[in-house]
Amino acid sequence: MSKLTNDIEANLALFVQETQDTKLVWGLRNEDGWLACDSTEFEESEVMPFWSTKEDAQAHNVEEWSDFEVLEIPLDIFVEDWLITLAEDGVLIGTNWNAQLEGKELEPSELAKQYL
């Protein structure tokens, strides 16, 4: 059972807490690369969604995203490599999107600060 709610700030806090506990971040990837979509909050921005549990990532591995595979990323690599690269590329991070595809979209540097 998912712990995600309609409170995107609470889902962000849950993302940080659970990824610190498990040392894993979950995303969706296919042969073309990791899932990225247009931001709903920021014009002309791309956002990459990530989840703090495999189950929540799997819940989104349906319909137009059914050709993706649910994969884990070690937290240290995510924070030390991914967030830097995504910041350089101007890609936002989407954290713990709920069933309505609602979730906090933030700059990679803002998410990195949550782990300090």
Protein backbone atom coordinates (compact mmCIF):
# COMPACT_ATOMS: atom_id res chain seq x y z
CA MET A 1 0.00 0.00 0.00
CA SER A 2 1.41 3.33 -1.05
CA LYS A 3 2.12 5.98 1.57
CA LEU A 4 1.80 8.74 -1.04
CA THR A 5 -0.96 11.30 -0.58
CA ASN A 6 -2.19 14.45 -2.33
CA ASP A 7 0.22 16.50 -0.16
CA ILE A 8 3.22 16.92 -2.46
CA GLU A 9 5.36 18.48 0.29
CA ALA A 10 4.71 15.46 2.54
CA ASN A 11 5.55 13.16 -0.39
CA LEU A 12 8.84 15.04 -0.87
CA ALA A 13 9.69 14.61 2.83
CA LEU A 14 8.80 10.91 2.54
CA PHE A 15 11.05 10.62 -0.53
CA VAL A 16 14.04 12.03 1.35
CA GLN A 17 13.40 9.96 4.49
CA GLU A 18 12.78 6.64 2.73
CA THR A 19 15.72 7.02 0.32
CA GLN A 20 17.99 7.81 3.26
CA ASP A 21 16.72 4.69 5.05
CA THR A 22 17.02 2.30 2.08
CA LYS A 23 19.91 4.07 0.29
CA LEU A 24 17.97 3.55 -2.98
CA VAL A 25 16.07 5.72 -5.46
CA TRP A 26 13.72 4.18 -8.05
CA GLY A 27 13.09 5.27 -11.62
CA LEU A 28 11.77 4.05 -14.95
CA ARG A 29 14.05 3.30 -17.90
CA ASN A 30 13.62 1.85 -21.38
CA GLU A 31 16.00 1.33 -24.32
CA ASP A 32 15.87 5.07 -25.07
CA GLY A 33 16.87 6.08 -21.54
CA TRP A 34 15.33 7.22 -18.28
CA LEU A 35 11.77 8.54 -18.21
CA ALA A 36 11.51 12.30 -18.60
CA CYS A 37 8.45 14.38 -19.41
CA ASP A 38 7.39 17.97 -19.79
CA SER A 39 7.03 19.86 -16.52
CA THR A 40 3.52 20.82 -15.49
CA GLU A 41 4.87 23.65 -13.31
CA PHE A 42 7.63 25.24 -15.37
CA GLU A 43 7.37 26.16 -19.05
CA GLU A 44 9.85 24.56 -21.43
CA SER A 45 11.35 22.42 -18.69
CA GLU A 46 11.80 18.68 -18.52
CA VAL A 47 11.28 16.70 -15.36
CA MET A 48 12.53 13.22 -14.44
CA PRO A 49 10.32 11.42 -11.92
CA PHE A 50 11.81 9.26 -9.17
CA TRP A 51 10.25 7.35 -6.29
CA SER A 52 11.41 6.25 -2.86
CA THR A 53 9.95 2.74 -3.15
CA LYS A 54 9.96 0.13 -5.88
CA GLU A 55 6.22 -0.37 -5.42
CA ASP A 56 5.39 3.29 -6.11
CA ALA A 57 7.61 3.26 -9.21
CA GLN A 58 5.93 0.04 -10.39
CA ALA A 59 2.50 1.64 -9.98
CA HIS A 60 3.49 4.07 -12.77
CA ASN A 61 4.91 1.34 -15.03
CA VAL A 62 1.60 1.13 -16.93
CA GLU A 63 -0.14 2.44 -20.06
CA GLU A 64 2.17 4.78 -21.99
CA TRP A 65 5.02 3.93 -19.59
CA SER A 66 4.52 0.15 -19.71
CA ASP A 67 7.58 -0.35 -21.92
CA PHE A 68 9.82 0.96 -19.13
CA GLU A 69 11.64 -1.13 -16.56
CA VAL A 70 11.66 -0.24 -12.85
CA LEU A 71 15.28 0.16 -11.78
CA GLU A 72 17.09 1.17 -8.62
CA ILE A 73 19.82 3.76 -8.32
CA PRO A 74 22.08 3.75 -5.24
CA LEU A 75 21.42 6.95 -3.28
CA ASP A 76 25.07 8.00 -3.12
CA ILE A 77 25.39 7.82 -6.92
CA PHE A 78 22.05 9.61 -7.34
CA VAL A 79 23.10 12.51 -5.09
CA GLU A 80 26.77 12.75 -6.08
CA ASP A 81 26.46 12.12 -9.84
CA TRP A 82 22.90 12.27 -11.11
CA LEU A 83 21.83 15.48 -9.40
CA ILE A 84 24.94 17.30 -10.64
CA THR A 85 24.50 16.06 -14.23
CA LEU A 86 20.77 16.80 -14.26
CA ALA A 87 21.42 20.30 -12.91
CA GLU A 88 23.95 20.90 -15.70
CA ASP A 89 21.36 19.66 -18.23
CA GLY A 90 18.61 21.85 -16.76
CA VAL A 91 16.37 18.88 -15.91
CA LEU A 92 14.07 19.08 -12.89
CA ILE A 93 13.51 16.23 -10.43
CA GLY A 94 9.99 14.96 -9.74
CA THR A 95 9.72 13.26 -6.37
CA ASN A 96 7.24 10.56 -5.40
CA TRP A 97 4.56 11.34 -7.96
CA ASN A 98 1.25 10.01 -6.69
CA ALA A 99 -1.45 8.16 -8.63
CA GLN A 100 -2.62 11.47 -10.15
CA LEU A 101 0.96 12.15 -11.37
CA GLU A 102 1.23 14.98 -8.88
CA GLY A 103 4.50 15.56 -7.12
CA LYS A 104 7.01 18.19 -6.21
CA GLU A 105 9.16 19.34 -9.12
CA LEU A 106 12.40 20.93 -8.00
CA GLU A 107 15.88 21.86 -9.10
CA PRO A 108 18.42 19.06 -8.51
CA SER A 109 20.44 21.38 -6.25
CA GLU A 110 17.37 21.96 -4.06
CA LEU A 111 16.90 18.22 -3.66
CA ALA A 112 20.61 17.74 -2.91
CA LYS A 113 20.30 20.23 -0.01
CA GLN A 114 17.71 17.93 1.57
CA TYR A 115 20.44 15.30 2.04
CA LEU A 116 22.95 17.59 3.79
